[in-house]
Amino acid sequence: MNVPTELRAGVRDVLPLFLGIVPFAVVFGVAAVDAGLTAAQAVGLSVFVFAGASQLATLDLLARDAAVPVVVLTAVVINLRMLMYSASIAPYFRSLAGRSKAVLAYFLTDQAYALSVARYGTLADAEPSGVSDRRWYYLGVAVSLWVVWQLGTVAGLVLGTGVPDSWGLDFTVPLVFLALLVPAMKDVPTTVAGVCGGVVAVVAAGLPLNLGLLVGATVGIVAGLLAERGRR
């Protein structure tokens, strides 16, 4: 079988990221068991949502018996950045059919976006690349991430069912959020967004319907945008 060069390049480039993705996926599986989800529900969440941060936020809210609209709205707010990613990467796939674009959109993640845009910039400097090459590279990265995420979720489910209830794994979700947040605070706007969002989420933890996380996420986004605008 002749595997396209760009597909192999995508798989090769994403391999180092698995060091962070695998533990993240396993923790999600363990946390899903701790939150009371069945294996089908947890795998379904990973398949249909396929967004680590919003999946963990969903687990946290479900474990606290939050209303379903609040859970859904919180996940949507956390994933709003995908709108910007989509708008940014869309010109590279402009000539594809709508059905193909929908498939690519399903696999969009932070990592797939970052690696693909960087690759397209490099190829543009070296030689013209067609939309087919760009699509193969994107799929090499994105589908590899998807497969590893699903396998990690299943591994976490298996591991989680073997952990005694007395151990208590409530700390896993906030621990993972901290592990995601700290490296992302690279400049003033991201630091302002992280600090404001975290502080407001803690202060608003007692709001009805468990709205504290949603309010914190919204305030963090707005604060980060204002800080970015003030820096220009």
Foldseek 3Di string as FASTA:
>chain_A
DDQDPLLVVLLVVQVVVLVVLLVLLLLLLLLCVVLPHDLVRSLVCCQQVVARLLSLQLSVLSSVVFDPVLSVLLSCLVCVVLVVLCVVCVVLQVPDDPVLSVVLSRLDYPVLSVVLVVVCVVCVVVDDDHSVSSSSSSCSNRVVSSVSSSVSSVNNNVVNVPDDPVVDDVVSSVVVVVVVQVVQCPDDLSVQLVVQLVVQLVVCCPPPSRNSNVVSNVRSVVSSVVVVVVVD
